[in-house]
Protein backbone atom coordinates (compact mmCIF):
# COMPACT_ATOMS: atom_id res chain seq x y z
CA UNK A 1 -28.90 -11.68 -8.08
CA UNK A 2 -27.83 -8.07 -7.59
CA UNK A 3 -28.84 -6.48 -4.33
CA UNK A 4 -29.01 -2.71 -3.95
CA UNK A 5 -27.18 -1.45 -0.87
CA UNK A 6 -27.78 1.88 0.85
CA UNK A 7 -24.05 2.36 1.47
CA UNK A 8 -20.90 0.84 0.03
CA UNK A 9 -18.90 1.35 3.22
CA UNK A 10 -21.01 1.51 6.38
CA UNK A 11 -19.98 3.66 9.32
CA UNK A 12 -23.05 2.62 11.29
CA UNK A 13 -23.95 6.15 12.38
CA UNK A 14 -27.11 7.77 11.06
CA UNK A 15 -27.06 11.33 9.78
CA UNK A 16 -23.45 11.49 8.61
CA UNK A 17 -23.47 13.00 5.13
CA UNK A 18 -20.05 13.73 3.64
CA UNK A 19 -21.74 15.65 0.82
CA UNK A 20 -22.29 18.48 3.31
CA UNK A 21 -19.42 18.39 5.82
CA UNK A 22 -15.97 16.81 5.54
CA UNK A 23 -12.49 17.51 6.73
CA UNK A 24 -9.98 19.65 4.88
CA UNK A 25 -8.36 17.97 1.89
CA UNK A 26 -4.56 17.85 1.92
CA UNK A 27 -2.65 17.33 -1.32
CA UNK A 28 -0.12 14.48 -1.36
CA UNK A 29 2.82 16.90 -1.72
CA UNK A 30 1.73 18.67 1.52
CA UNK A 31 0.85 15.51 3.50
CA UNK A 32 4.31 14.70 4.92
CA UNK A 33 4.70 18.21 6.31
CA UNK A 34 1.30 17.98 7.98
CA UNK A 35 1.89 14.63 9.66
CA UNK A 36 5.41 15.67 10.74
CA UNK A 37 3.82 18.30 13.01
CA UNK A 38 3.93 16.86 16.56
CA UNK A 39 0.57 18.51 17.31
CA UNK A 40 -1.17 16.47 14.61
CA UNK A 41 -2.75 13.17 15.68
CA UNK A 42 -2.56 10.85 12.65
CA UNK A 43 -5.18 8.09 12.34
CA UNK A 44 -5.20 5.29 9.78
CA UNK A 45 -8.90 4.61 9.09
CA UNK A 46 -8.23 1.35 7.28
CA UNK A 47 -8.77 -2.09 8.78
CA UNK A 48 -6.18 -4.23 10.55
CA UNK A 49 -5.38 -6.24 7.42
CA UNK A 50 -4.64 -3.13 5.35
CA UNK A 51 -2.57 -1.53 8.10
CA UNK A 52 -0.51 -4.70 8.44
CA UNK A 53 0.62 -4.23 4.83
CA UNK A 54 1.90 -0.74 5.58
CA UNK A 55 1.04 2.66 7.04
CA UNK A 56 2.56 6.09 7.62
CA UNK A 57 5.17 6.42 10.36
CA UNK A 58 3.52 7.55 13.60
CA UNK A 59 -0.02 6.78 12.44
CA UNK A 60 -2.35 5.33 15.05
CA UNK A 61 -4.00 2.00 14.32
CA UNK A 62 -7.57 2.07 15.68
CA UNK A 63 -7.54 -1.76 15.66
CA UNK A 64 -10.70 -2.20 13.65
CA UNK A 65 -11.72 -5.19 11.60
CA UNK A 66 -14.56 -3.25 9.99
CA UNK A 67 -15.23 0.46 9.43
CA UNK A 68 -18.33 0.15 11.60
CA UNK A 69 -16.01 -0.13 14.63
CA UNK A 70 -14.39 3.26 13.99
CA UNK A 71 -16.92 5.40 15.94
CA UNK A 72 -16.32 3.26 19.04
CA UNK A 73 -12.59 3.86 18.72
CA UNK A 74 -13.18 7.63 18.55
CA UNK A 75 -15.51 7.62 21.57
CA UNK A 76 -13.10 5.56 23.68
CA UNK A 77 -9.76 7.06 22.62
CA UNK A 78 -10.14 10.56 21.25
CA UNK A 79 -11.11 13.90 22.73
CA UNK A 80 -11.66 17.18 20.81
CA UNK A 81 -10.04 19.10 23.69
CA UNK A 82 -6.88 16.97 23.53
CA UNK A 83 -6.69 16.10 19.84
CA UNK A 84 -6.94 19.58 18.31
CA UNK A 85 -5.53 18.62 14.89
CA UNK A 86 -6.37 15.24 13.37
CA UNK A 87 -5.09 13.90 10.05
CA UNK A 88 -6.71 10.80 8.56
CA UNK A 89 -6.15 8.62 5.55
CA UNK A 90 -7.63 5.52 3.94
CA UNK A 91 -7.27 3.61 0.68
CA UNK A 92 -9.73 5.07 -1.80
CA UNK A 93 -11.37 8.02 -0.08
CA UNK A 94 -14.78 6.72 1.02
CA UNK A 95 -13.75 5.99 4.60
CA UNK A 96 -11.93 9.35 4.84
CA UNK A 97 -14.99 11.22 3.66
CA UNK A 98 -17.23 9.52 6.20
CA UNK A 99 -14.76 9.47 9.09
CA UNK A 100 -13.89 13.16 8.77
CA UNK A 101 -17.59 14.06 8.56
CA UNK A 102 -18.15 11.99 11.72
CA UNK A 103 -15.20 13.64 13.49
CA UNK A 104 -16.50 17.11 12.65
CA UNK A 105 -19.90 16.13 14.06
CA UNK A 106 -18.19 14.96 17.25
CA UNK A 107 -16.64 18.39 17.80
CA UNK A 108 -13.20 18.00 16.26
CA UNK A 109 -12.50 21.29 14.47
CA UNK A 110 -9.27 20.72 12.59
CA UNK A 111 -9.73 17.48 10.69
CA UNK A 112 -7.65 16.79 7.60
CA UNK A 113 -7.55 13.95 5.12
CA UNK A 114 -5.27 12.94 2.33
CA UNK A 115 -6.67 13.90 -1.05
């Protein structure tokens, strides 16, 4: 039996629509320069299992088992006044689209994600 799902990857926050607002896309050839900037807070939006396999040097692990836990990490550990520039990445793009849209909604102005 095939069951229709509302979302493939659930963030668990209503009203987030990455079709309208997302972070700024960064091309792979520009990514290393961006994350080398000490003012950029780099967040790996993947789960613990994926991060264990490998991540970018200096990237923060939000210690999530599921993507639904990501908003809690942001609320408890991030502040738009402190984290002025945020760069995020994931595996295929869905989590980046949703997480950057969520971050923008939370007041983070400069939010980037790997294209």
